[in-house]
Amino acid sequence: MVTKRNHNYRAIDTETKEWVYGSLVGDDYLVTDKLLDNIETDGYIECWLNVIDPNSVCESVYIKDRHKTEMFECDVVAFSLDGKTYDKNHTFLLWYNRECSEMTAISLDSIYFNGYDYGNMKNPTFPYSVFALMCQDHWGDFRDIKVLGNIIDNPELLGEVDMLCVV
């Protein structure tokens, strides 16, 4: 029996301009599973190599929202206190911080970009471990979490971003 693997990355295929999911190979390729219906595979999985836009590569954070949508780097996610409304104070960008070499969740309230990484001067940036706990909601603060989209397809989700000049 053939089982489908979890995908570690997503990126935009340069030919189809669609998102593809799979394992990253170098900087420009994703290997994806494509199981074909009604074809005997004798236990093998057919793999397809997709040429991708390296600027669109997003790593999975291995967490799903309450609507079963998998979260990836560059996604904007929102928490709701009442299960109905979402506001900027509880909305975060999932971003791999290159300076700290870790996945982070950055509040969209007062977000900035320094040409290399996103950050926030006013609110704390949460490391992945804290964000994962927020998603599990051990404290009972949040009633819902959902992926609003990603900043590659929807850069307007960031709202106003301060450009920080580094000298």
Foldseek 3Di string as FASTA:
>chain_A
DEDADAFFKWFQFPPPRDIATAYDDPQFWGKHFDDDPPDDPVHDTDIDIGGGDSVGIWGWLPDAWPVRHTDTQQWKKFFAQVVPDTDQQRIWHFHQQPVVRFTWTERLVQWADAPRGIHHPPDHIGTSVVVVCVRVPPPSRTDTMHTPGGCVVPVCVSPDHHHDYDD
